[in-house]
Amino acid sequence: MAQITDSQRTARIQELLNEMNKMPPERHETMRVHLTTGETLCDVIQMRADEVLLNHRSHRIRSQIEGDPEWEAVKSDPTGEAAQRIVQDRVRHARSDQEFSELRESLIREGQTEPGVMTRDGVLVNANTRAVAMREMDEPDRRNIRVAVLPTTLQPDEIGLLELRLQMQKELKIEYTLTNHLLFIEELSNERGMSNDAIAREMFPENPKKGALEVPLRLKYLDLIRRMQRIPTKPLRLREFDVLALQHMRDVYNKHERLQEQDPVGARIYLESFLLSVLVGVVSVHQIREIDADFVKTYVMPTLDDDQEVGTYVTKLVEPSTAQENAPSGAKALGGGPNSQAKIDEPNVLGLIDAISGRDRNVKILGTNLVLEKRDVKDAVNFAFVAAIKDKRRDEREANRLEAPNEAVKGAIREMVRVNDSLKAALGDPEFDSAHRKTLEANFKKLCRTLRSLEAALAKAGVTGS
């Protein structure tokens, strides 16, 4: 069915409001909506789900459409039919098939329990997913949506904040993805000019004091994601980082900041290595914590070199090179490039990133006629990362085992200092009686025996003189 025009939609909304106002007030359905100016009572009308406009500024889909070529071609007319089809598709796929199916079943079983909210010209503030689900219903009478109509005095910059407040109240909601969550904070800060405290009161009402400290950190996480977006020759889309969670970003941000102060080149290599891990699907928080600036060189490369499919050509995939300006698509990225600034003996992680993140299905090996399936390269790097993480953990366990005696002795020294300090305090206490003294004497003698036993073991091992 063709989309109705803006004038038809506005007339339809006004017609429904007029019809409702002909009825006695007790038969009016209304909804209290909390705006920045205070609470207001909005009339609720019923429209066909295909008559309302989906909200292209919904924070459910901000990162999904940002940088999307399809959206870029139509975004100048966001309420037009072509743009609305794209918004509907992105809204539909913001949930998994199972989540969307559960929402549809709930609507069929229970109906629409709460009205959505829309502007006077028919743009939904929330309930976008419900509208899309209703449009797909088999029965025509289930394709109607109840919506509260906002006053005409509503300012455009109030809509995003209202969406957030409505989201916090609804059941069957889907949490914002990481990037959409961070974009929302950025919008409130940059576009609305809200203070950290004000943002925290809206987004972290359970603990606004702690939330006010989180706001600037999360903006820094978004900056770091945007930096990673630009690492490949062809920038990544924001939505590709939605496999990450806040804990990932805390870890990578803290490690990157420490490295940046001490070793900027190492910080860059670490960030590239982290991104490569994300792109090949190794995203467990505990796995990613093993990655550092030397991880690819020390652990990934030896494993990747042994791969039957990619191993023979792995040197070509990662060798630094700057003479690639005229290389074919997919090949230029397999060397260094202007952003590499790599140490001479460092593998060119950017080459692997470009090979895996490019949109070509094949990867051409520079200087040869060989073409590899991108899927094969990605699988090989994934396997190499997983194996490398296990190898590093094994080495760390071995190192810990070898260092354990030294660490234990250091701990014993610290404890002896603590004993001495606590003894001085105890001797000045009149309640430190003979019973306490005898117990301390017995424990001290046991300590001396243990120390003599340790001395004998160290002498026998040749660690100390006899």
Protein backbone atom coordinates (compact mmCIF):
# COMPACT_ATOMS: atom_id res chain seq x y z
CA MET A 1 0.00 0.00 0.00
CA ALA A 2 1.36 3.44 -0.94
CA GLN A 3 2.23 5.77 1.92
CA ILE A 4 -0.28 8.54 2.57
CA THR A 5 0.89 12.13 2.07
CA ASP A 6 1.87 14.44 4.92
CA SER A 7 -1.24 16.56 4.44
CA GLN A 8 -3.47 13.47 4.45
CA ARG A 9 -1.80 12.24 7.64
CA THR A 10 -2.18 15.58 9.42
CA ALA A 11 -5.82 15.80 8.36
CA ARG A 12 -6.44 12.24 9.50
CA ILE A 13 -4.98 12.93 12.96
CA GLN A 14 -7.06 16.08 13.35
CA GLU A 15 -10.19 14.25 12.19
CA LEU A 16 -9.67 11.49 14.78
CA LEU A 17 -9.06 14.04 17.54
CA ASN A 18 -12.24 15.93 16.57
CA GLU A 19 -14.27 12.71 16.60
CA MET A 20 -12.95 11.81 20.01
CA ASN A 21 -13.77 15.23 21.41
CA LYS A 22 -17.41 14.73 20.39
CA MET A 23 -17.61 11.90 22.93
CA PRO A 24 -18.17 12.43 26.66
CA PRO A 25 -14.86 13.07 28.52
CA GLU A 26 -15.20 9.83 30.50
CA ARG A 27 -14.91 7.90 27.24
CA HIS A 28 -11.68 9.65 26.22
CA GLU A 29 -8.50 7.63 26.55
CA THR A 30 -5.67 9.82 27.72
CA MET A 31 -2.04 9.32 28.69
CA ARG A 32 0.15 11.33 31.05
CA VAL A 33 3.41 12.25 29.33
CA HIS A 34 6.30 13.81 31.22
CA LEU A 35 7.86 16.61 29.18
CA THR A 36 10.65 18.94 30.22
CA THR A 37 7.97 21.56 30.96
CA GLY A 38 6.14 19.12 33.23
CA GLU A 39 3.44 16.50 32.86
CA THR A 40 0.78 16.89 30.20
CA LEU A 41 -2.35 14.91 29.45
CA CYS A 42 -2.41 13.70 25.84
CA ASP A 43 -5.42 12.37 23.93
CA VAL A 44 -5.06 8.82 22.60
CA ILE A 45 -6.38 7.97 19.14
CA GLN A 46 -6.24 4.82 17.02
CA MET A 47 -4.72 4.78 13.54
CA ARG A 48 -3.63 2.17 11.04
CA ALA A 49 -0.03 1.21 11.73
CA ASP A 50 0.91 2.06 8.14
CA GLU A 51 -0.45 5.60 8.54
CA VAL A 52 2.08 6.66 11.18
CA LEU A 53 5.67 7.63 10.39
CA LEU A 54 8.56 5.70 11.90
CA ASN A 55 11.09 7.83 13.73
CA HIS A 56 14.38 7.93 11.83
CA ARG A 57 15.99 9.60 14.86
CA SER A 58 15.05 6.74 17.16
CA HIS A 59 18.01 5.77 19.28
CA ARG A 60 17.27 2.14 18.50
CA ILE A 61 18.68 2.56 15.01
CA ARG A 62 21.03 5.57 15.07
CA SER A 63 24.20 3.53 14.56
CA GLN A 64 22.49 1.20 12.07
CA ILE A 65 21.78 4.02 9.63
CA GLU A 66 24.81 6.23 10.31
CA GLY A 67 27.09 5.89 7.32
CA ASP A 68 24.74 3.44 5.58
CA PRO A 69 24.96 4.17 1.81
CA GLU A 70 21.28 3.34 1.34
CA TRP A 71 20.30 5.84 4.02
CA GLU A 72 22.70 8.50 2.78
CA ALA A 73 20.87 8.49 -0.57
CA VAL A 74 17.46 9.25 0.98
CA LYS A 75 18.12 10.95 4.33
CA SER A 76 17.28 14.41 2.95
CA ASP A 77 13.63 13.26 2.97
CA PRO A 78 13.43 11.08 6.11
CA THR A 79 9.63 10.88 6.08
CA GLY A 80 9.46 9.97 2.39
CA GLU A 81 8.42 6.51 1.29
CA ALA A 82 11.93 5.34 0.30
CA ALA A 83 13.46 6.49 3.59
CA GLN A 84 10.62 4.99 5.61
CA ARG A 85 11.19 1.58 3.98
CA ILE A 86 14.80 1.69 5.12
CA VAL A 87 13.85 2.79 8.63
CA GLN A 88 11.28 -0.02 8.82
CA ASP A 89 13.91 -2.57 7.81
CA ARG A 90 16.43 -1.27 10.38
CA VAL A 91 13.79 -1.17 13.12
CA ARG A 92 12.75 -4.72 12.26
CA HIS A 93 16.31 -6.02 12.43
CA ALA A 94 17.28 -4.13 15.58
CA ARG A 95 15.80 -7.17 17.33
CA SER A 96 16.68 -10.78 16.74
CA ASP A 97 14.08 -12.91 14.96
CA GLN A 98 13.22 -14.54 18.28
CA GLU A 99 12.77 -11.21 20.07
CA PHE A 100 10.62 -9.85 17.25
CA SER A 101 8.53 -13.04 17.21
CA GLU A 102 8.02 -12.78 20.98
CA LEU A 103 6.81 -9.19 20.57
CA ARG A 104 4.35 -10.19 17.82
CA GLU A 105 3.04 -13.07 19.94
CA SER A 106 2.57 -10.72 22.88
CA LEU A 107 0.62 -8.28 20.71
CA ILE A 108 -1.56 -11.10 19.37
CA ARG A 109 -2.13 -12.58 22.80
CA GLU A 110 -2.51 -9.46 24.94
CA GLY A 111 -3.02 -6.67 22.43
CA GLN A 112 -1.34 -3.30 22.78
CA THR A 113 -1.29 -2.77 26.53
CA GLU A 114 0.14 0.77 26.44
CA PRO A 115 -0.31 3.49 23.81
CA GLY A 116 2.63 4.71 21.82
CA VAL A 117 3.41 8.41 21.61
CA MET A 118 3.62 10.50 18.43
CA THR A 119 3.93 14.09 17.33
CA ARG A 120 1.01 16.03 15.91
CA ASP A 121 2.28 15.37 12.38
CA GLY A 122 2.33 11.61 12.95
CA VAL A 123 5.99 10.79 13.74
CA LEU A 124 6.32 8.11 16.41
CA VAL A 125 8.47 8.93 19.43
CA ASN A 126 8.39 5.35 20.65
CA ALA A 127 6.52 2.15 19.71
CA ASN A 128 8.30 2.00 16.35
CA THR A 129 8.90 -1.73 16.69
CA ARG A 130 5.31 -2.32 17.72
CA ALA A 131 4.13 -0.44 14.64
CA VAL A 132 6.35 -2.55 12.37
CA ALA A 133 5.09 -5.74 14.03
CA MET A 134 1.47 -4.65 13.59
CA ARG A 135 2.05 -3.93 9.90
CA GLU A 136 3.02 -7.59 9.50
CA MET A 137 -0.12 -8.96 11.21
CA ASP A 138 -2.35 -11.24 9.14
CA GLU A 139 -5.64 -9.95 10.56
CA PRO A 140 -6.54 -6.40 9.39
CA ASP A 141 -8.08 -5.49 12.75
CA ARG A 142 -4.75 -6.12 14.45
CA ARG A 143 -2.96 -3.62 12.25
CA ASN A 144 -4.18 -0.64 14.26
CA ILE A 145 -2.03 1.21 16.77
CA ARG A 146 -3.12 3.38 19.70
CA VAL A 147 -1.06 6.54 20.02
CA ALA A 148 -1.04 9.53 22.35
CA VAL A 149 -0.83 12.77 20.37
CA LEU A 150 1.66 15.30 21.71
CA PRO A 151 0.86 19.02 21.83
CA THR A 152 1.93 21.20 18.92
CA THR A 153 4.08 23.22 21.34
CA LEU A 154 6.52 20.32 21.74
CA GLN A 155 10.02 21.38 20.70
CA PRO A 156 12.03 19.04 18.43
CA ASP A 157 14.89 18.77 20.93
CA GLU A 158 12.47 17.38 23.53
CA ILE A 159 11.64 14.28 21.49
CA GLY A 160 14.87 12.36 22.16
CA LEU A 161 14.63 12.95 25.90
CA LEU A 162 10.99 11.91 25.86
CA GLU A 163 11.95 8.72 24.03
CA LEU A 164 14.44 7.91 26.79
CA ARG A 165 11.87 8.46 29.53
CA LEU A 166 9.26 6.36 27.76
CA GLN A 167 11.80 3.60 27.18
CA MET A 168 12.52 3.34 30.88
CA GLN A 169 8.84 2.76 31.61
CA LYS A 170 8.01 0.05 29.08
CA GLU A 171 8.06 -3.70 29.26
CA LEU A 172 9.18 -5.92 26.39
CA LYS A 173 11.78 -3.28 25.65
CA ILE A 174 15.10 -4.02 24.00
CA GLU A 175 18.17 -2.45 25.52
CA TYR A 176 19.99 0.05 23.36
CA THR A 177 23.01 -1.43 21.62
CA LEU A 178 26.39 -0.18 22.83
CA THR A 179 26.83 2.34 20.02
CA ASN A 180 23.25 3.63 20.19
CA HIS A 181 23.61 4.04 23.95
CA LEU A 182 26.81 6.04 23.50
CA LEU A 183 25.31 8.10 20.65
CA PHE A 184 22.37 8.97 22.91
CA ILE A 185 24.72 10.32 25.59
CA GLU A 186 26.62 12.27 22.94
CA GLU A 187 23.39 13.80 21.63
CA LEU A 188 22.27 14.86 25.10
CA SER A 189 25.69 16.39 25.76
CA ASN A 190 26.54 18.02 22.44
CA GLU A 191 23.20 18.75 20.78
CA ARG A 192 21.11 19.45 23.89
CA GLY A 193 23.89 21.03 25.95
CA MET A 194 22.93 19.01 29.02
CA SER A 195 25.40 18.80 31.91
CA ASN A 196 26.83 15.48 33.07
CA ASP A 197 24.63 15.66 36.16
CA ALA A 198 21.49 16.27 34.08
CA ILE A 199 22.32 13.39 31.72
CA ALA A 200 22.99 11.12 34.68
CA ARG A 201 19.60 11.93 36.22
CA GLU A 202 17.94 10.82 32.98
CA MET A 203 20.06 7.81 32.04
CA PHE A 204 21.20 6.55 35.46
CA PRO A 205 18.32 7.42 37.79
CA GLU A 206 19.23 4.56 40.14
CA ASN A 207 22.59 6.20 40.96
CA PRO A 208 22.92 9.67 39.37
CA LYS A 209 26.03 10.59 41.39
CA LYS A 210 27.97 7.64 40.00
CA GLY A 211 26.33 8.18 36.60
CA ALA A 212 27.70 11.74 36.41
CA LEU A 213 31.21 10.26 36.57
CA GLU A 214 30.32 7.70 33.89
CA VAL A 215 29.04 10.21 31.33
CA PRO A 216 32.43 11.71 30.32
CA LEU A 217 33.99 8.24 30.31
CA ARG A 218 31.37 6.89 27.94
CA LEU A 219 31.89 9.82 25.61
CA LYS A 220 35.58 8.87 25.55
CA TYR A 221 34.59 5.27 24.73
CA LEU A 222 32.65 6.59 21.74
CA ASP A 223 35.66 8.64 20.63
CA LEU A 224 37.81 5.51 20.82
CA ILE A 225 35.29 3.51 18.79
CA ARG A 226 35.30 6.23 16.15
CA ARG A 227 39.06 6.07 16.09
CA MET A 228 38.86 2.31 15.49
CA GLN A 229 36.28 2.96 12.78
CA ARG A 230 38.91 4.87 10.85
CA ILE A 231 41.71 2.30 11.19
CA PRO A 232 40.84 0.32 8.03
CA THR A 233 41.38 1.86 4.60
CA LYS A 234 37.59 1.72 4.17
CA PRO A 235 36.08 2.94 7.46
CA LEU A 236 33.85 0.57 9.38
CA ARG A 237 30.22 1.20 10.27
CA LEU A 238 29.42 1.97 13.88
CA ARG A 239 27.04 -0.98 14.13
CA GLU A 240 29.98 -3.36 13.65
CA PHE A 241 31.04 -2.51 17.21
CA ASP A 242 27.73 -3.62 18.71
CA VAL A 243 29.24 -7.04 19.47
CA LEU A 244 31.03 -5.21 22.30
CA ALA A 245 29.77 -4.29 25.75
CA LEU A 246 30.71 -1.52 28.15
CA GLN A 247 33.16 -3.82 29.94
CA HIS A 248 35.08 -4.32 26.69
CA MET A 249 35.35 -0.57 26.27
CA ARG A 250 36.45 0.00 29.85
CA ASP A 251 39.24 -2.53 29.43
CA VAL A 252 40.46 -1.37 26.02
CA TYR A 253 40.23 2.32 26.95
CA ASN A 254 42.24 1.88 30.18
CA LYS A 255 44.92 -0.25 28.53
CA HIS A 256 45.17 2.06 25.52
CA GLU A 257 45.50 5.14 27.74
CA ARG A 258 48.33 3.57 29.76
CA LEU A 259 50.16 2.57 26.59
CA GLN A 260 49.60 5.94 24.94
CA GLU A 261 51.56 7.66 27.70
CA GLN A 262 54.50 5.23 27.55
CA ASP A 263 54.60 3.93 23.97
CA PRO A 264 52.35 5.61 21.36
CA VAL A 265 53.37 3.16 18.63
CA GLY A 266 52.62 0.26 20.95
CA ALA A 267 49.25 1.86 21.76
CA ARG A 268 48.42 1.98 18.04
CA ILE A 269 49.47 -1.64 17.52
CA TYR A 270 47.41 -2.69 20.54
CA LEU A 271 44.32 -0.89 19.22
CA GLU A 272 44.74 -2.51 15.79
CA SER A 273 45.19 -5.93 17.42
CA PHE A 274 42.05 -5.43 19.50
CA LEU A 275 40.07 -4.41 16.40
CA LEU A 276 41.38 -7.42 14.46
CA SER A 277 40.18 -9.70 17.25
CA VAL A 278 36.71 -8.10 17.13
CA LEU A 279 36.49 -8.43 13.35
CA VAL A 280 37.26 -12.17 13.43
CA GLY A 281 34.72 -12.79 16.20
CA VAL A 282 36.98 -13.32 19.22
CA VAL A 283 35.09 -11.02 21.57
CA SER A 284 34.86 -12.69 24.98
CA VAL A 285 35.93 -10.17 27.62
CA HIS A 286 38.28 -12.71 29.19
CA GLN A 287 39.83 -13.57 25.85
CA ILE A 288 40.34 -9.99 24.74
CA ARG A 289 42.06 -9.10 28.01
CA GLU A 290 45.01 -11.22 26.89
CA ILE A 291 45.71 -8.92 23.93
CA ASP A 292 48.56 -6.44 24.19
CA ALA A 293 50.91 -4.65 21.78
CA ASP A 294 53.11 -7.76 21.32
CA PHE A 295 50.28 -10.28 21.11
CA VAL A 296 50.00 -10.60 17.32
CA LYS A 297 53.76 -10.71 16.77
CA THR A 298 54.54 -13.14 19.61
CA TYR A 299 51.54 -15.45 19.59
CA VAL A 300 49.23 -14.99 16.59
CA MET A 301 51.79 -14.98 13.80
CA PRO A 302 53.48 -18.31 14.66
CA THR A 303 50.07 -20.03 14.75
CA LEU A 304 48.85 -18.32 11.59
CA ASP A 305 52.08 -19.28 9.83
CA ASP A 306 51.21 -22.97 10.38
CA ASP A 307 47.74 -22.70 8.81
CA GLN A 308 47.44 -24.97 5.77
CA GLU A 309 45.28 -22.54 3.77
CA VAL A 310 46.78 -19.17 4.68
CA GLY A 311 50.10 -20.01 6.29
CA THR A 312 52.13 -20.13 3.08
CA TYR A 313 51.09 -16.59 2.22
CA VAL A 314 50.82 -15.08 5.68
CA THR A 315 54.06 -13.13 5.23
CA LYS A 316 52.57 -11.44 2.17
CA LEU A 317 49.40 -10.60 4.08
CA VAL A 318 51.23 -8.81 6.87
CA GLU A 319 54.54 -7.58 5.48
CA PRO A 320 54.98 -3.81 5.79
CA SER A 321 55.08 -2.03 2.43
CA THR A 322 54.45 1.49 1.24
CA ALA A 323 54.62 0.95 -2.53
CA GLN A 324 50.95 0.09 -2.94
CA GLU A 325 49.25 3.27 -4.03
CA ASN A 326 48.18 1.72 -7.37
CA ALA A 327 47.37 -1.74 -6.03
CA PRO A 328 44.03 -3.35 -6.95
CA SER A 329 41.08 -3.21 -4.59
CA GLY A 330 41.70 -5.43 -1.60
CA ALA A 331 45.46 -5.54 -2.17
CA LYS A 332 46.57 -2.05 -1.19
CA ALA A 333 45.52 -2.71 2.37
CA LEU A 334 47.67 -5.81 2.62
CA GLY A 335 50.78 -3.73 3.12
CA GLY A 336 51.54 -0.75 5.33
CA GLY A 337 50.33 2.59 4.07
CA PRO A 338 50.53 6.11 5.39
CA ASN A 339 49.05 5.24 8.77
CA SER A 340 51.21 2.24 9.52
CA GLN A 341 54.25 3.90 11.20
CA ALA A 342 55.13 0.38 12.25
CA LYS A 343 58.31 -0.79 13.87
CA ILE A 344 60.47 -2.63 11.36
CA ASP A 345 59.94 -6.04 12.90
CA GLU A 346 56.22 -5.59 13.64
CA PRO A 347 53.62 -7.47 11.58
CA ASN A 348 51.32 -5.22 9.56
CA VAL A 349 48.12 -5.76 11.52
CA LEU A 350 46.39 -3.18 9.32
CA GLY A 351 46.95 -5.48 6.34
CA LEU A 352 44.94 -8.23 8.01
CA ILE A 353 42.28 -5.76 9.13
CA ASP A 354 41.78 -4.49 5.59
CA ALA A 355 41.74 -8.02 4.17
CA ILE A 356 38.99 -9.05 6.58
CA SER A 357 36.93 -5.86 6.76
CA GLY A 358 36.83 -5.02 3.04
CA ARG A 359 33.62 -5.68 1.15
CA ASP A 360 35.27 -7.79 -1.54
CA ARG A 361 34.65 -11.50 -1.13
CA ASN A 362 38.20 -12.33 -2.16
CA VAL A 363 41.62 -11.23 -0.97
CA LYS A 364 44.34 -10.82 -3.59
CA ILE A 365 47.86 -11.51 -2.37
CA LEU A 366 50.13 -8.67 -3.38
CA GLY A 367 52.83 -9.64 -5.88
CA THR A 368 51.12 -12.90 -6.87
CA ASN A 369 48.16 -14.09 -8.91
CA LEU A 370 46.76 -15.86 -5.87
CA VAL A 371 43.28 -15.00 -4.60
CA LEU A 372 42.08 -16.26 -1.23
CA GLU A 373 38.51 -16.54 0.00
CA LYS A 374 37.99 -13.86 2.64
CA ARG A 375 36.08 -16.40 4.70
CA ASP A 376 39.14 -18.66 4.76
CA VAL A 377 41.39 -15.80 5.87
CA LYS A 378 38.93 -14.77 8.59
CA ASP A 379 38.58 -18.35 9.87
CA ALA A 380 42.35 -18.79 9.93
CA VAL A 381 42.88 -15.57 11.90
CA ASN A 382 40.06 -16.49 14.29
CA PHE A 383 41.66 -19.88 14.94
CA ALA A 384 45.08 -18.25 15.37
CA PHE A 385 43.71 -15.77 17.94
CA VAL A 386 41.97 -18.46 19.98
CA ALA A 387 45.09 -20.67 19.95
CA ALA A 388 47.31 -17.68 20.72
CA ILE A 389 45.23 -16.78 23.77
CA LYS A 390 45.64 -20.32 25.10
CA ASP A 391 49.40 -20.21 24.45
CA LYS A 392 49.78 -16.89 26.22
CA ARG A 393 47.81 -18.11 29.23
CA ARG A 394 50.01 -21.22 29.39
CA ASP A 395 53.15 -19.09 29.30
CA GLU A 396 51.77 -16.81 31.99
CA ARG A 397 50.98 -19.80 34.21
CA GLU A 398 54.52 -21.05 33.68
CA ALA A 399 55.95 -17.63 34.46
CA ASN A 400 53.76 -17.40 37.54
CA ARG A 401 54.95 -20.82 38.69
CA LEU A 402 58.60 -19.81 38.32
CA GLU A 403 58.03 -16.48 40.06
CA ALA A 404 55.85 -17.94 42.80
CA PRO A 405 58.75 -18.56 45.29
CA ASN A 406 60.01 -14.99 44.90
CA GLU A 407 56.52 -13.54 45.29
CA ALA A 408 55.91 -15.69 48.36
CA VAL A 409 59.16 -14.52 50.00
CA LYS A 410 58.27 -10.89 49.22
CA GLY A 411 54.88 -11.49 50.81
CA ALA A 412 56.53 -13.01 53.88
CA ILE A 413 58.77 -9.94 54.23
CA ARG A 414 55.74 -7.67 54.10
CA GLU A 415 54.03 -9.81 56.73
CA MET A 416 57.09 -9.66 59.01
CA VAL A 417 57.09 -5.86 58.80
CA ARG A 418 53.41 -5.96 59.67
CA VAL A 419 54.12 -8.27 62.65
CA ASN A 420 56.74 -5.89 63.97
CA ASP A 421 54.40 -2.90 63.70
CA SER A 422 51.49 -4.73 65.34
CA LEU A 423 53.76 -6.01 68.14
CA LYS A 424 54.74 -2.46 69.08
CA ALA A 425 51.07 -1.55 69.36
CA ALA A 426 50.21 -4.69 71.33
CA LEU A 427 53.03 -4.29 73.90
CA GLY A 428 51.63 -0.94 74.91
CA ASP A 429 48.19 -2.41 75.59
CA PRO A 430 47.54 -3.52 79.20
CA GLU A 431 45.24 -6.28 77.94
CA PHE A 432 48.19 -7.97 76.18
CA ASP A 433 48.56 -10.45 79.04
CA SER A 434 50.61 -13.62 79.61
CA ALA A 435 48.17 -15.79 77.63
CA HIS A 436 48.63 -13.63 74.54
CA ARG A 437 52.43 -13.66 75.08
CA LYS A 438 52.57 -17.46 75.32
CA THR A 439 50.51 -17.88 72.15
CA LEU A 440 52.77 -15.43 70.31
CA GLU A 441 55.88 -17.27 71.58
CA ALA A 442 54.53 -20.62 70.29
CA ASN A 443 53.73 -19.18 66.89
CA PHE A 444 57.15 -17.50 66.69
CA LYS A 445 58.93 -20.78 67.40
CA LYS A 446 56.86 -22.43 64.66
CA LEU A 447 57.88 -19.60 62.32
CA CYS A 448 61.55 -20.15 63.18
CA ARG A 449 61.25 -23.88 62.44
CA THR A 450 59.62 -23.11 59.10
CA LEU A 451 62.37 -20.61 58.30
CA ARG A 452 65.11 -23.15 59.16
CA SER A 453 63.40 -25.70 56.92
CA LEU A 454 63.30 -23.16 54.08
CA GLU A 455 66.98 -22.28 54.60
CA ALA A 456 67.91 -25.95 54.37
CA ALA A 457 65.89 -26.41 51.16
CA LEU A 458 67.48 -23.33 49.56
CA ALA A 459 70.98 -24.47 50.52
CA LYS A 460 70.36 -27.99 49.20
CA ALA A 461 69.14 -26.51 45.88
CA GLY A 462 72.25 -24.36 45.68
CA VAL A 463 70.23 -21.13 45.87
CA THR A 464 72.05 -20.05 49.06
CA GLY A 465 75.32 -21.03 50.65
CA SER A 466 75.32 -23.93 53.13
